[in-house]
Amino acid sequence: MRYLISLIYLCCVSLATAQDWEEQATFEGTGNGPTLRILSSTDVSVFAPVIDSFQDSYPNVHIEYLVTGTADLDRQFRNSPQHYDVVISSAMDLQLKLANDGFALRLNDIQHDSWAQWRNSVFAFTAEPAAIVINQNALQGNPPPRTRQDLIDMLRANPDLFRGKVATYDVRSSGLGYLFATQDARASETYWRLTEVMGSLNARLYCCSGEMLDDLISGKILVAYNVLGSYALAREGLDDQISIILPSAFPTMMMRTALASKQTDRPAIAEAFIHHLTQLRFSGLSDQNFPLPHLPDSRISDGHAVIPLEPALITYLDTLKRRTFIREWENAIIQTP
């Protein structure tokens, strides 16, 4: 693996932007080749095999890989689009809005499924479910919940066990969390009831899936709702510690997407990298322990439909709609005695 972790978790400083990154890594190419700067919400450990495989074809390209949360990523890129070449995020709605607001470079030479790209500017390369993840100790020998209603029933039946030990995203600060919450609210009538039940149990709120999973495995929390299923499945050897459940009714499936900055100084290399992403499902990279699920051959696969890249996706990014949604969410999840 050809990368150097510069300094992990909240201690790296970018010389260009003086930003504290969650992670920062340099993937060294050969010779005096160009450097591609990638701004991403995907952990280094997850994404490193993709960069390694790209450098197999472009060995002279150096890559600087910068990781932050989805909402912060959107702010950073809007503030300094000239500093980055490629932007990768799990918050599809924010990516679509970046393209609509003129931040994305059109890449007309990339041929990709129409349902997995937006105006040759935003390109999907994974399809990943939101999951319910439960510490096995919480089940007490009972079968795990299979639906949101099952989860509601389990939480209501055991309030003392789950009080202070249920977790979900803080949608005010997590772009992906906000996307999952708004899509849940559109698709499932049980979402608001579940949110109120979690709120009555003093739910813990998190920025990201990785932190929720860490606390779940340690026993600090017992249930994590809307965790990225791909991140949970990547925790190898934990079958006896956690149960991963994809709700059987209205599963939420997002697509991880990439775009090239309209202000990139390296448009050809940025396009080559995004083309590489769109070809991952044909590359056999899964055999190299890439833990993210590849795109299916169609938008509906195994009865699950991914969230489409379409204008309706950014409905809840409207200022008034966002303010209203967050106010309702706060009323449900933050319950003061």
Protein backbone atom coordinates (compact mmCIF):
# COMPACT_ATOMS: atom_id res chain seq x y z
CA MET A 1 0.00 0.00 0.00
CA ARG A 2 1.63 3.19 -1.23
CA TYR A 3 0.54 5.88 1.16
CA LEU A 4 1.79 7.74 4.17
CA ILE A 5 -0.71 8.71 6.87
CA SER A 6 0.38 12.25 7.67
CA LEU A 7 -1.40 12.46 11.01
CA ILE A 8 -4.68 10.81 11.84
CA TYR A 9 -7.84 12.21 13.46
CA LEU A 10 -8.17 15.87 14.18
CA CYS A 11 -4.54 16.88 14.09
CA CYS A 12 -3.70 17.40 10.42
CA VAL A 13 -3.44 20.90 9.03
CA SER A 14 -3.67 21.62 5.34
CA LEU A 15 -1.19 24.25 4.27
CA ALA A 16 -3.64 25.51 1.68
CA THR A 17 -6.66 26.02 3.91
CA ALA A 18 -5.48 25.69 7.53
CA GLN A 19 -8.26 23.12 7.99
CA ASP A 20 -8.24 20.44 10.67
CA TRP A 21 -8.97 17.19 8.85
CA GLU A 22 -10.35 13.99 10.33
CA GLU A 23 -7.73 12.17 8.28
CA GLN A 24 -5.07 13.15 5.76
CA ALA A 25 -2.98 10.84 3.60
CA THR A 26 -0.45 11.17 0.80
CA PHE A 27 -0.27 8.44 -1.86
CA GLU A 28 3.13 8.81 -3.48
CA GLY A 29 3.45 8.38 -7.24
CA THR A 30 6.65 8.02 -9.19
CA GLY A 31 8.94 10.81 -10.29
CA ASN A 32 7.79 14.41 -10.61
CA GLY A 33 4.25 13.69 -11.68
CA PRO A 34 1.24 15.91 -10.87
CA THR A 35 -0.61 15.86 -7.56
CA LEU A 36 -4.36 15.26 -7.47
CA ARG A 37 -6.10 16.72 -4.41
CA ILE A 38 -9.18 14.73 -3.34
CA LEU A 39 -11.64 16.04 -0.75
CA SER A 40 -13.65 13.12 0.63
CA SER A 41 -15.99 11.91 3.35
CA THR A 42 -14.75 8.31 2.96
CA ASP A 43 -12.23 6.97 5.49
CA VAL A 44 -8.66 6.46 4.28
CA SER A 45 -8.67 2.79 5.26
CA VAL A 46 -11.78 2.20 3.17
CA PHE A 47 -10.68 4.13 0.11
CA ALA A 48 -6.97 3.28 -0.08
CA PRO A 49 -7.48 0.21 -2.34
CA VAL A 50 -9.24 2.41 -4.91
CA ILE A 51 -6.35 4.86 -5.03
CA ASP A 52 -3.83 2.02 -5.22
CA SER A 53 -5.68 0.54 -8.18
CA PHE A 54 -5.81 3.95 -9.91
CA GLN A 55 -2.07 4.36 -9.46
CA ASP A 56 -1.52 0.97 -11.08
CA SER A 57 -2.68 2.68 -14.30
CA TYR A 58 -1.34 6.16 -13.52
CA PRO A 59 1.82 5.48 -11.47
CA ASN A 60 3.22 9.00 -11.86
CA VAL A 61 0.19 10.69 -10.22
CA HIS A 62 0.63 11.71 -6.58
CA ILE A 63 -2.59 11.93 -4.58
CA GLU A 64 -3.34 14.03 -1.52
CA TYR A 65 -6.42 12.64 0.19
CA LEU A 66 -8.28 14.79 2.73
CA VAL A 67 -11.17 13.50 4.85
CA THR A 68 -13.89 15.41 6.68
CA GLY A 69 -17.61 15.06 7.42
CA THR A 70 -20.17 15.54 4.68
CA ALA A 71 -21.52 18.91 5.85
CA ASP A 72 -18.05 20.31 6.51
CA LEU A 73 -16.87 18.96 3.15
CA ASP A 74 -19.60 20.92 1.39
CA ARG A 75 -18.67 24.12 3.25
CA GLN A 76 -14.94 23.70 2.63
CA PHE A 77 -15.37 23.11 -1.08
CA ARG A 78 -17.78 26.02 -1.55
CA ASN A 79 -15.34 28.31 0.24
CA SER A 80 -12.24 27.17 -1.70
CA PRO A 81 -13.13 25.20 -4.85
CA GLN A 82 -9.79 26.08 -6.42
CA HIS A 83 -7.93 24.03 -3.79
CA TYR A 84 -9.45 20.66 -4.78
CA ASP A 85 -9.64 18.56 -7.93
CA VAL A 86 -12.13 15.81 -7.01
CA VAL A 87 -14.88 15.78 -4.35
CA ILE A 88 -16.28 12.48 -3.04
CA SER A 89 -19.25 12.39 -0.67
CA SER A 90 -21.98 10.12 0.64
CA ALA A 91 -24.35 13.12 0.86
CA MET A 92 -25.90 12.84 -2.60
CA ASP A 93 -28.14 15.85 -2.14
CA LEU A 94 -25.26 18.19 -1.31
CA GLN A 95 -23.29 16.90 -4.31
CA LEU A 96 -26.24 17.47 -6.62
CA LYS A 97 -26.64 21.01 -5.32
CA LEU A 98 -22.93 21.70 -5.85
CA ALA A 99 -23.40 20.75 -9.49
CA ASN A 100 -26.56 22.85 -9.84
CA ASP A 101 -24.74 25.81 -8.30
CA GLY A 102 -22.00 25.63 -10.90
CA PHE A 103 -19.15 24.05 -8.90
CA ALA A 104 -18.80 20.83 -10.93
CA LEU A 105 -16.97 20.30 -14.20
CA ARG A 106 -18.99 18.59 -16.95
CA LEU A 107 -17.26 15.40 -18.07
CA ASN A 108 -18.99 14.54 -21.33
CA ASP A 109 -16.60 11.73 -22.28
CA ILE A 110 -17.56 9.53 -19.30
CA GLN A 111 -20.25 7.03 -20.27
CA HIS A 112 -22.26 6.02 -17.22
CA ASP A 113 -25.75 4.73 -16.42
CA SER A 114 -28.25 7.58 -16.69
CA TRP A 115 -29.73 6.82 -13.26
CA ALA A 116 -26.26 6.93 -11.65
CA GLN A 117 -25.10 10.32 -12.93
CA TRP A 118 -26.44 13.87 -13.08
CA ARG A 119 -25.85 15.99 -16.17
CA ASN A 120 -22.39 14.50 -16.70
CA SER A 121 -21.29 16.33 -13.56
CA VAL A 122 -22.00 14.02 -10.59
CA PHE A 123 -21.20 10.31 -10.87
CA ALA A 124 -22.24 7.53 -8.48
CA PHE A 125 -19.92 4.59 -7.89
CA THR A 126 -21.38 2.70 -4.88
CA ALA A 127 -24.84 1.82 -3.57
CA GLU A 128 -24.93 1.55 0.23
CA PRO A 129 -27.76 0.91 2.68
CA ALA A 130 -28.55 2.63 5.93
CA ALA A 131 -28.64 -0.03 8.64
CA ILE A 132 -29.76 -0.63 12.19
CA VAL A 133 -26.79 -2.01 14.13
CA ILE A 134 -27.29 -3.59 17.55
CA ASN A 135 -24.88 -4.77 20.21
CA GLN A 136 -25.66 -8.47 20.72
CA ASN A 137 -25.86 -7.98 24.48
CA ALA A 138 -28.97 -5.86 23.97
CA LEU A 139 -30.89 -8.69 22.36
CA GLN A 140 -30.80 -10.95 25.45
CA GLY A 141 -31.39 -14.00 23.32
CA ASN A 142 -34.31 -12.45 21.40
CA PRO A 143 -34.38 -12.19 17.59
CA PRO A 144 -33.19 -8.85 16.20
CA PRO A 145 -35.77 -6.36 14.88
CA ARG A 146 -36.41 -6.58 11.16
CA THR A 147 -38.40 -3.39 10.65
CA ARG A 148 -38.53 0.09 12.15
CA GLN A 149 -41.73 -0.93 13.94
CA ASP A 150 -39.95 -3.93 15.45
CA LEU A 151 -37.25 -1.56 16.71
CA ILE A 152 -39.88 0.74 18.23
CA ASP A 153 -41.46 -2.22 20.02
CA MET A 154 -38.10 -3.41 21.35
CA LEU A 155 -37.14 0.03 22.67
CA ARG A 156 -40.53 0.62 24.28
CA ALA A 157 -40.46 -2.76 25.98
CA ASN A 158 -37.02 -2.18 27.55
CA PRO A 159 -36.67 1.53 28.43
CA ASP A 160 -34.29 0.96 31.36
CA LEU A 161 -31.93 -1.08 29.19
CA PHE A 162 -31.81 1.41 26.32
CA ARG A 163 -31.98 4.74 28.12
CA GLY A 164 -28.93 6.77 27.06
CA LYS A 165 -27.73 3.91 24.86
CA VAL A 166 -29.51 4.59 21.56
CA ALA A 167 -27.70 6.58 18.89
CA THR A 168 -28.27 8.21 15.53
CA TYR A 169 -26.85 11.05 13.43
CA ASP A 170 -27.10 14.65 14.52
CA VAL A 171 -28.83 15.87 11.37
CA ARG A 172 -27.92 19.48 12.15
CA SER A 173 -24.24 18.79 11.54
CA SER A 174 -24.15 15.64 9.40
CA GLY A 175 -25.00 15.98 5.72
CA LEU A 176 -25.43 12.22 5.32
CA GLY A 177 -27.52 12.05 8.49
CA TYR A 178 -29.81 14.76 7.14
CA LEU A 179 -30.14 12.94 3.81
CA PHE A 180 -31.03 9.65 5.52
CA ALA A 181 -33.51 11.34 7.85
CA THR A 182 -35.36 13.22 5.12
CA GLN A 183 -35.51 10.15 2.90
CA ASP A 184 -36.79 8.08 5.83
CA ALA A 185 -39.47 10.66 6.56
CA ARG A 186 -40.61 10.59 2.91
CA ALA A 187 -40.71 6.80 2.67
CA SER A 188 -41.84 5.55 6.06
CA GLU A 189 -44.66 6.66 8.33
CA THR A 190 -42.86 5.11 11.30
CA TYR A 191 -39.83 7.42 11.09
CA TRP A 192 -41.25 10.17 13.31
CA ARG A 193 -42.60 7.67 15.85
CA LEU A 194 -39.19 6.03 16.04
CA THR A 195 -37.48 9.40 16.44
CA GLU A 196 -39.80 10.30 19.32
CA VAL A 197 -39.13 6.96 21.02
CA MET A 198 -35.36 7.44 20.67
CA GLY A 199 -35.75 10.95 22.04
CA SER A 200 -37.66 9.69 25.07
CA LEU A 201 -34.65 7.45 25.80
CA ASN A 202 -32.17 10.35 25.72
CA ALA A 203 -30.68 9.37 22.38
CA ARG A 204 -27.01 10.14 21.76
CA LEU A 205 -26.27 12.14 18.62
CA TYR A 206 -23.20 11.56 16.44
CA CYS A 207 -21.44 13.10 13.47
CA CYS A 208 -20.57 9.91 11.68
CA SER A 209 -20.94 6.15 11.39
CA GLY A 210 -17.41 5.31 12.52
CA GLU A 211 -17.84 6.90 15.95
CA MET A 212 -21.22 5.25 16.45
CA LEU A 213 -19.76 1.86 15.61
CA ASP A 214 -16.80 2.36 17.95
CA ASP A 215 -19.13 3.14 20.86
CA LEU A 216 -21.48 0.32 19.90
CA ILE A 217 -18.71 -2.26 19.95
CA SER A 218 -17.40 -0.96 23.29
CA GLY A 219 -20.89 -1.17 24.82
CA LYS A 220 -21.22 2.56 25.42
CA ILE A 221 -24.32 2.40 23.23
CA LEU A 222 -26.47 -0.60 22.33
CA VAL A 223 -28.36 0.53 19.21
CA ALA A 224 -27.20 2.71 16.30
CA TYR A 225 -29.84 3.81 13.80
CA ASN A 226 -29.09 4.68 10.15
CA VAL A 227 -25.44 3.68 10.31
CA LEU A 228 -23.78 3.15 6.95
CA GLY A 229 -24.21 -0.57 6.40
CA SER A 230 -20.96 -0.78 4.43
CA TYR A 231 -18.97 0.59 7.37
CA ALA A 232 -20.63 -1.86 9.74
CA LEU A 233 -19.94 -4.81 7.44
CA ALA A 234 -16.31 -3.72 7.19
CA ARG A 235 -15.77 -4.42 10.89
CA GLU A 236 -14.32 -7.87 10.38
CA GLY A 237 -14.73 -10.65 12.91
CA LEU A 238 -17.49 -8.99 14.92
CA ASP A 239 -20.38 -11.31 14.10
CA ASP A 240 -20.56 -12.37 17.73
CA GLN A 241 -20.69 -8.75 18.95
CA ILE A 242 -23.05 -6.89 16.61
CA SER A 243 -26.11 -7.56 14.47
CA ILE A 244 -26.55 -5.59 11.26
CA ILE A 245 -30.14 -5.20 10.11
CA LEU A 246 -31.35 -3.69 6.85
CA PRO A 247 -35.00 -2.73 7.43
CA SER A 248 -37.17 -5.01 5.34
CA ALA A 249 -39.68 -2.24 4.70
CA PHE A 250 -38.43 0.83 2.82
CA PRO A 251 -34.67 0.28 3.11
CA THR A 252 -32.75 3.49 2.48
CA MET A 253 -30.02 3.05 -0.14
CA MET A 254 -27.73 5.95 -0.96
CA MET A 255 -25.11 6.24 -3.69
CA ARG A 256 -21.63 7.57 -2.97
CA THR A 257 -20.78 10.13 -5.66
CA ALA A 258 -17.85 12.03 -7.10
CA LEU A 259 -17.46 15.27 -9.03
CA ALA A 260 -14.56 17.21 -10.51
CA SER A 261 -14.08 20.80 -9.44
CA LYS A 262 -14.85 23.28 -12.18
CA GLN A 263 -11.74 25.18 -11.05
CA THR A 264 -9.35 22.23 -11.15
CA ASP A 265 -5.98 22.83 -12.80
CA ARG A 266 -5.82 19.12 -13.70
CA PRO A 267 -9.09 18.39 -15.55
CA ALA A 268 -7.72 15.44 -17.52
CA ILE A 269 -6.42 13.64 -14.43
CA ALA A 270 -9.57 14.45 -12.44
CA GLU A 271 -11.65 12.99 -15.27
CA ALA A 272 -9.45 9.90 -15.41
CA PHE A 273 -9.91 9.34 -11.69
CA ILE A 274 -13.71 9.67 -11.85
CA HIS A 275 -13.81 7.37 -14.87
CA HIS A 276 -11.86 4.87 -12.77
CA LEU A 277 -14.53 5.11 -10.05
CA THR A 278 -17.35 4.46 -12.51
CA GLN A 279 -15.58 1.30 -13.66
CA LEU A 280 -15.02 -0.21 -10.21
CA ARG A 281 -17.85 -2.71 -10.51
CA PHE A 282 -16.14 -4.21 -13.56
CA SER A 283 -12.63 -4.20 -12.09
CA GLY A 284 -12.76 -7.09 -9.63
CA LEU A 285 -11.56 -4.74 -6.90
CA SER A 286 -13.90 -6.42 -4.40
CA ASP A 287 -11.41 -9.28 -4.38
CA GLN A 288 -8.89 -6.82 -2.91
CA ASN A 289 -10.99 -6.19 0.19
CA PHE A 290 -12.66 -2.98 -0.96
CA PRO A 291 -15.50 -2.90 1.59
CA LEU A 292 -17.92 -0.60 -0.25
CA PRO A 293 -20.68 -2.22 -2.33
CA HIS A 294 -20.41 -1.62 -6.05
CA LEU A 295 -23.26 -0.14 -8.06
CA PRO A 296 -25.86 -2.69 -9.16
CA ASP A 297 -26.70 -3.10 -12.82
CA SER A 298 -29.98 -1.24 -12.36
CA ARG A 299 -31.44 1.22 -9.86
CA ILE A 300 -33.65 -1.51 -8.40
CA SER A 301 -31.73 -4.57 -7.22
CA ASP A 302 -32.93 -7.42 -5.00
CA GLY A 303 -36.10 -5.44 -4.34
CA HIS A 304 -34.14 -2.42 -3.07
CA ALA A 305 -34.20 0.89 -4.91
CA VAL A 306 -31.40 3.40 -4.49
CA ILE A 307 -32.15 7.07 -3.93
CA PRO A 308 -32.17 8.52 -7.46
CA LEU A 309 -30.02 11.42 -8.62
CA GLU A 310 -32.84 13.77 -9.51
CA PRO A 311 -33.98 17.32 -8.63
CA ALA A 312 -36.36 16.07 -5.91
CA LEU A 313 -33.28 15.02 -3.97
CA ILE A 314 -32.50 18.61 -3.04
CA THR A 315 -36.02 19.54 -1.95
CA TYR A 316 -35.08 19.48 1.71
CA LEU A 317 -32.06 21.69 1.10
CA ASP A 318 -34.40 24.63 0.59
CA THR A 319 -33.73 26.99 3.50
CA LEU A 320 -37.31 27.06 4.77
CA LYS A 321 -37.88 23.33 4.36
CA ARG A 322 -34.59 22.54 6.10
CA ARG A 323 -35.39 24.86 8.99
CA THR A 324 -38.85 23.31 9.38
CA PHE A 325 -37.55 19.74 9.22
CA ILE A 326 -34.80 20.36 11.76
CA ARG A 327 -37.23 22.07 14.13
CA GLU A 328 -39.56 19.05 13.98
CA TRP A 329 -36.62 16.69 14.39
CA GLU A 330 -35.35 18.61 17.43
CA ASN A 331 -38.79 18.51 19.01
CA ALA A 332 -38.84 14.73 18.59
CA ILE A 333 -35.27 13.76 19.47
CA ILE A 334 -34.35 16.32 22.15
CA GLN A 335 -36.88 15.93 24.92
CA THR A 336 -36.31 17.89 28.12
CA PRO A 337 -38.01 16.73 31.34
